[in-house]
Amino acid sequence: MCAAQTILLPQGIAMEWSDDAIVLGLRCHGETGVLLELLTRDHGRHLGFVQGGRSRKTLPLLQPGNSVRAVWRARLDEHLGNFTVEVTELRSARFINSPLALYGLGAMASLLRCLPERDPHPQLFDTVQALADHLDDEVTASALFVEFEITMLAELGFGLDLTQCAATGTQEALIYVSPKTGRAVSAEAGAPYRDKLLPLPSFLVYDSGRNRVTAKELAEAFALTGYFLERWIFEPQGQKPPQERARFVDLATRQELRE
């Protein structure tokens, strides 16, 4: 994998860097161009103008979910700048026939827009890339999406601690999560308060070796991450969770997909 590069060209002519990226979205700008929104490995969520991006040759390459090698140039660092891109992985074509992938892609992009622009999150980028590779895989996409949401919470400063009981420190029988702190609670310590605690699916704590996660476990996992996303991210900003997420969760937890 190529490392990101940032170069100050001679005489301050331009700022330039190159980086690996995943397309999050685009919109028309001018007669022939597009504003391209990328999640880059080392330069965060970044916008830039693509001249001729609406051409028949280029537009299909700039679709959400595709991976690119992007070069960004601008006279000053704070300017919008221009992208030139080279596609490294085409995924959008295979997503077209997968409602699960399309809703997942929309939900993922909406959640990533909670990140401050140009704030680098390389670990999150790797998680997003792994998710994008499997969004049309009914067996693995859902669990990977839960992992993505947990990573998102951590990157935004609201990490969940699911490694040990908040009350006793034990790592055994972790079956609850405190809705106040986001920390795991054991069966014994949580028994008196079980009606006030959130269920903790075992696949988020223990490696069971199973390829499939049940619909019930997934529903509990999405309820867990959804609770904290809404409480800690969306509510303080006066926003609601993206509708695409609800549709993705509905598809992901349907029994016929899991059993």
Protein backbone atom coordinates (compact mmCIF):
# COMPACT_ATOMS: atom_id res chain seq x y z
CA MET A 1 0.00 0.00 0.00
CA CYS A 2 1.42 3.35 -0.98
CA ALA A 3 2.05 5.87 1.76
CA ALA A 4 0.54 9.32 1.62
CA GLN A 5 2.79 12.09 0.37
CA THR A 6 2.56 15.83 0.97
CA ILE A 7 4.75 18.13 -1.14
CA LEU A 8 5.21 21.89 -1.15
CA LEU A 9 6.10 22.72 -4.74
CA PRO A 10 8.80 25.31 -5.55
CA GLN A 11 8.02 29.00 -5.05
CA GLY A 12 4.70 28.19 -3.31
CA ILE A 13 3.04 27.39 -6.64
CA ALA A 14 0.80 24.75 -5.11
CA MET A 15 0.17 22.29 -2.31
CA GLU A 16 0.05 18.68 -3.41
CA TRP A 17 -0.45 15.31 -1.81
CA SER A 18 -1.40 11.80 -2.92
CA ASP A 19 -3.27 9.24 -0.86
CA ASP A 20 -5.39 6.10 -0.97
CA ALA A 21 -9.11 6.89 -0.75
CA ILE A 22 -12.65 5.57 -0.95
CA VAL A 23 -15.37 7.53 -2.75
CA LEU A 24 -18.17 8.65 -0.41
CA GLY A 25 -20.17 10.85 -2.77
CA LEU A 26 -20.17 13.42 -5.53
CA ARG A 27 -22.32 16.21 -6.89
CA CYS A 28 -22.35 18.19 -10.11
CA HIS A 29 -20.36 21.40 -10.18
CA GLY A 30 -20.18 23.64 -13.24
CA GLU A 31 -20.88 22.40 -16.73
CA THR A 32 -18.67 19.32 -16.77
CA GLY A 33 -17.12 18.90 -13.34
CA VAL A 34 -18.04 17.30 -10.02
CA LEU A 35 -17.26 17.93 -6.38
CA LEU A 36 -15.84 14.64 -5.16
CA GLU A 37 -16.00 13.57 -1.52
CA LEU A 38 -13.37 11.06 -0.44
CA LEU A 39 -12.34 9.33 2.75
CA THR A 40 -8.55 9.25 2.53
CA ARG A 41 -6.21 7.24 4.69
CA ASP A 42 -4.01 10.08 5.94
CA HIS A 43 -5.91 13.28 5.04
CA GLY A 44 -9.33 12.38 6.38
CA ARG A 45 -12.64 13.16 4.74
CA HIS A 46 -11.72 15.51 1.93
CA LEU A 47 -13.51 17.37 -0.87
CA GLY A 48 -12.06 18.40 -4.21
CA PHE A 49 -13.07 19.38 -7.73
CA VAL A 50 -12.69 16.95 -10.62
CA GLN A 51 -12.57 18.66 -14.00
CA GLY A 52 -14.52 16.66 -16.57
CA GLY A 53 -15.84 14.36 -13.88
CA ARG A 54 -19.27 14.13 -15.54
CA SER A 55 -17.93 12.61 -18.75
CA ARG A 56 -19.15 9.15 -19.80
CA LYS A 57 -15.69 7.76 -19.27
CA THR A 58 -14.99 9.28 -15.85
CA LEU A 59 -18.34 9.41 -14.05
CA PRO A 60 -18.74 5.61 -13.64
CA LEU A 61 -15.31 5.50 -11.99
CA LEU A 62 -16.23 8.09 -9.35
CA GLN A 63 -19.18 6.21 -7.86
CA PRO A 64 -19.48 5.71 -4.08
CA GLY A 65 -17.73 2.62 -2.78
CA ASN A 66 -14.91 2.60 -5.33
CA SER A 67 -11.31 2.87 -4.16
CA VAL A 68 -8.98 5.34 -5.84
CA ARG A 69 -5.49 6.72 -5.66
CA ALA A 70 -6.09 10.46 -5.41
CA VAL A 71 -3.78 13.39 -6.04
CA TRP A 72 -4.95 16.72 -4.58
CA ARG A 73 -3.55 20.08 -5.65
CA ALA A 74 -4.33 23.63 -4.56
CA ARG A 75 -2.54 26.96 -4.35
CA LEU A 76 -3.13 27.11 -0.59
CA ASP A 77 -3.89 24.34 1.88
CA GLU A 78 -7.23 25.88 2.91
CA HIS A 79 -8.54 25.98 -0.70
CA LEU A 80 -11.00 23.44 -2.11
CA GLY A 81 -8.41 22.20 -4.57
CA ASN A 82 -8.57 19.78 -7.48
CA PHE A 83 -8.47 16.00 -7.54
CA THR A 84 -7.04 13.72 -10.16
CA VAL A 85 -7.86 10.09 -9.44
CA GLU A 86 -6.88 6.65 -10.60
CA VAL A 87 -9.27 3.82 -9.74
CA THR A 88 -7.72 0.95 -7.80
CA GLU A 89 -10.87 -1.05 -6.95
CA LEU A 90 -14.25 -0.98 -8.68
CA ARG A 91 -17.06 -2.07 -6.36
CA SER A 92 -20.05 0.04 -7.42
CA ALA A 93 -21.06 -2.24 -10.30
CA ARG A 94 -21.56 -5.25 -8.07
CA PHE A 95 -23.43 -3.18 -5.45
CA ILE A 96 -26.19 -2.24 -7.91
CA ASN A 97 -28.07 -5.52 -7.44
CA SER A 98 -27.65 -5.64 -3.66
CA PRO A 99 -30.08 -3.54 -1.58
CA LEU A 100 -28.06 -4.51 1.51
CA ALA A 101 -24.91 -3.02 -0.03
CA LEU A 102 -26.62 0.13 -1.28
CA TYR A 103 -28.25 0.94 2.05
CA GLY A 104 -25.05 0.03 3.87
CA LEU A 105 -23.03 2.29 1.63
CA GLY A 106 -25.44 5.18 2.17
CA ALA A 107 -25.46 4.68 5.94
CA MET A 108 -21.69 4.40 6.07
CA ALA A 109 -21.19 7.62 4.12
CA SER A 110 -23.72 9.48 6.28
CA LEU A 111 -21.99 8.39 9.48
CA LEU A 112 -18.57 9.31 8.13
CA ARG A 113 -19.83 12.85 7.53
CA CYS A 114 -19.91 13.24 11.31
CA LEU A 115 -16.11 13.42 11.13
CA PRO A 116 -14.50 16.84 10.93
CA GLU A 117 -13.32 17.48 7.40
CA ARG A 118 -9.60 16.81 6.80
CA ASP A 119 -9.14 15.13 10.18
CA PRO A 120 -7.09 11.94 9.56
CA HIS A 121 -8.36 8.59 10.87
CA PRO A 122 -6.13 5.86 9.36
CA GLN A 123 -7.48 3.05 11.57
CA LEU A 124 -11.03 3.96 10.63
CA PHE A 125 -10.03 4.06 6.96
CA ASP A 126 -8.84 0.44 7.19
CA THR A 127 -12.13 -0.56 8.85
CA VAL A 128 -14.13 1.21 6.14
CA GLN A 129 -12.11 -0.45 3.39
CA ALA A 130 -12.71 -3.91 4.88
CA LEU A 131 -16.43 -3.13 5.14
CA ALA A 132 -16.59 -1.85 1.56
CA ASP A 133 -15.00 -5.09 0.34
CA HIS A 134 -17.84 -7.13 1.88
CA LEU A 135 -20.92 -4.88 1.77
CA ASP A 136 -22.65 -7.19 -0.71
CA ASP A 137 -21.84 -10.32 1.34
CA GLU A 138 -24.93 -11.15 3.39
CA VAL A 139 -22.93 -13.38 5.75
CA THR A 140 -20.22 -10.92 6.83
CA ALA A 141 -21.40 -7.38 5.99
CA SER A 142 -23.61 -6.92 9.04
CA ALA A 143 -21.05 -7.85 11.67
CA LEU A 144 -18.45 -5.71 9.89
CA PHE A 145 -20.87 -2.78 9.93
CA VAL A 146 -21.25 -3.12 13.71
CA GLU A 147 -17.45 -3.09 14.00
CA PHE A 148 -17.38 0.05 11.83
CA GLU A 149 -19.89 1.81 14.10
CA ILE A 150 -17.91 0.87 17.23
CA THR A 151 -14.76 2.22 15.57
CA MET A 152 -16.62 5.40 14.58
CA LEU A 153 -17.65 5.99 18.19
CA ALA A 154 -14.06 5.50 19.35
CA GLU A 155 -12.65 7.85 16.69
CA LEU A 156 -15.14 10.54 17.72
CA GLY A 157 -14.04 10.22 21.35
CA PHE A 158 -16.86 7.99 22.63
CA GLY A 159 -15.27 4.56 22.68
CA LEU A 160 -17.11 1.62 24.26
CA ASP A 161 -15.21 -0.49 26.80
CA LEU A 162 -16.38 -4.06 26.30
CA THR A 163 -13.27 -5.79 27.67
CA GLN A 164 -14.08 -6.07 31.39
CA CYS A 165 -16.85 -5.48 33.90
CA ALA A 166 -17.10 -1.86 35.01
CA ALA A 167 -18.06 -2.93 38.54
CA THR A 168 -15.78 -5.91 39.27
CA GLY A 169 -13.08 -5.90 36.59
CA THR A 170 -13.83 -9.49 35.59
CA GLN A 171 -13.63 -10.52 31.94
CA GLU A 172 -16.06 -13.40 32.38
CA ALA A 173 -19.82 -13.51 31.68
CA LEU A 174 -19.99 -10.03 30.17
CA ILE A 175 -23.61 -9.78 29.01
CA TYR A 176 -24.64 -6.16 29.64
CA VAL A 177 -23.53 -2.62 28.79
CA SER A 178 -24.18 0.43 30.94
CA PRO A 179 -26.23 2.99 28.96
CA LYS A 180 -24.56 5.77 30.96
CA THR A 181 -20.90 4.87 30.50
CA GLY A 182 -20.72 2.47 27.55
CA ARG A 183 -18.83 -0.05 29.70
CA ALA A 184 -19.48 -3.77 29.95
CA VAL A 185 -21.15 -5.29 33.00
CA SER A 186 -21.02 -8.93 34.07
CA ALA A 187 -24.08 -11.12 34.62
CA GLU A 188 -23.61 -11.16 38.39
CA ALA A 189 -22.92 -7.44 38.83
CA GLY A 190 -25.71 -6.44 36.47
CA ALA A 191 -28.42 -8.77 37.75
CA PRO A 192 -30.04 -6.19 40.10
CA TYR A 193 -30.14 -3.63 37.27
CA ARG A 194 -30.75 -5.86 34.24
CA ASP A 195 -33.92 -3.98 33.23
CA LYS A 196 -31.88 -0.77 32.91
CA LEU A 197 -28.88 -2.23 31.07
CA LEU A 198 -28.33 -2.88 27.37
CA PRO A 199 -27.72 -6.45 26.14
CA LEU A 200 -24.15 -7.18 25.02
CA PRO A 201 -24.02 -9.79 22.22
CA SER A 202 -21.28 -12.33 22.85
CA PHE A 203 -19.73 -11.96 19.39
CA LEU A 204 -18.61 -8.45 20.33
CA VAL A 205 -16.61 -9.81 23.27
CA TYR A 206 -15.64 -13.41 22.59
CA ASP A 207 -14.40 -15.03 19.39
CA SER A 208 -16.85 -17.89 18.99
CA GLY A 209 -15.33 -19.12 15.73
CA ARG A 210 -18.72 -18.99 14.02
CA ASN A 211 -19.02 -17.68 10.48
CA ARG A 212 -22.60 -16.52 11.03
CA VAL A 213 -24.12 -14.29 13.66
CA THR A 214 -27.79 -14.82 14.47
CA ALA A 215 -30.46 -12.25 13.67
CA LYS A 216 -31.12 -11.77 17.40
CA GLU A 217 -27.45 -11.07 18.13
CA LEU A 218 -27.25 -8.61 15.26
CA ALA A 219 -30.41 -6.83 16.38
CA GLU A 220 -28.92 -6.44 19.87
CA ALA A 221 -25.62 -5.22 18.44
CA PHE A 222 -27.26 -2.61 16.21
CA ALA A 223 -29.47 -1.50 19.10
CA LEU A 224 -26.32 -1.06 21.21
CA THR A 225 -24.35 1.00 18.69
CA GLY A 226 -27.48 2.86 17.61
CA TYR A 227 -28.22 3.90 21.17
CA PHE A 228 -24.80 5.47 21.67
CA LEU A 229 -24.64 7.01 18.19
CA GLU A 230 -27.96 8.72 18.83
CA ARG A 231 -27.18 9.76 22.39
CA TRP A 232 -23.59 10.92 21.92
CA ILE A 233 -23.42 11.98 18.25
CA PHE A 234 -26.78 12.84 16.72
CA GLU A 235 -28.83 14.25 19.60
CA PRO A 236 -26.20 16.86 20.64
CA GLN A 237 -26.24 18.13 17.05
CA GLY A 238 -30.02 18.14 16.79
CA GLN A 239 -29.92 15.41 14.14
CA LYS A 240 -31.49 12.02 13.61
CA PRO A 241 -29.74 8.83 12.49
CA PRO A 242 -29.69 8.37 8.69
CA GLN A 243 -32.70 6.55 7.27
CA GLU A 244 -30.36 4.32 5.28
CA ARG A 245 -29.11 2.85 8.53
CA ALA A 246 -32.59 1.75 9.61
CA ARG A 247 -33.14 0.09 6.23
CA PHE A 248 -29.76 -1.61 6.35
CA VAL A 249 -30.45 -2.91 9.87
CA ASP A 250 -33.85 -4.20 8.78
CA LEU A 251 -32.30 -6.18 5.92
CA ALA A 252 -29.36 -7.34 8.01
CA THR A 253 -31.49 -8.77 10.80
CA ARG A 254 -34.12 -10.54 8.76
CA GLN A 255 -34.19 -14.12 9.87
CA GLU A 256 -34.09 -15.54 6.37
CA LEU A 257 -30.69 -13.92 5.78
CA ARG A 258 -29.19 -15.24 8.99
CA GLU A 259 -30.41 -18.79 9.38
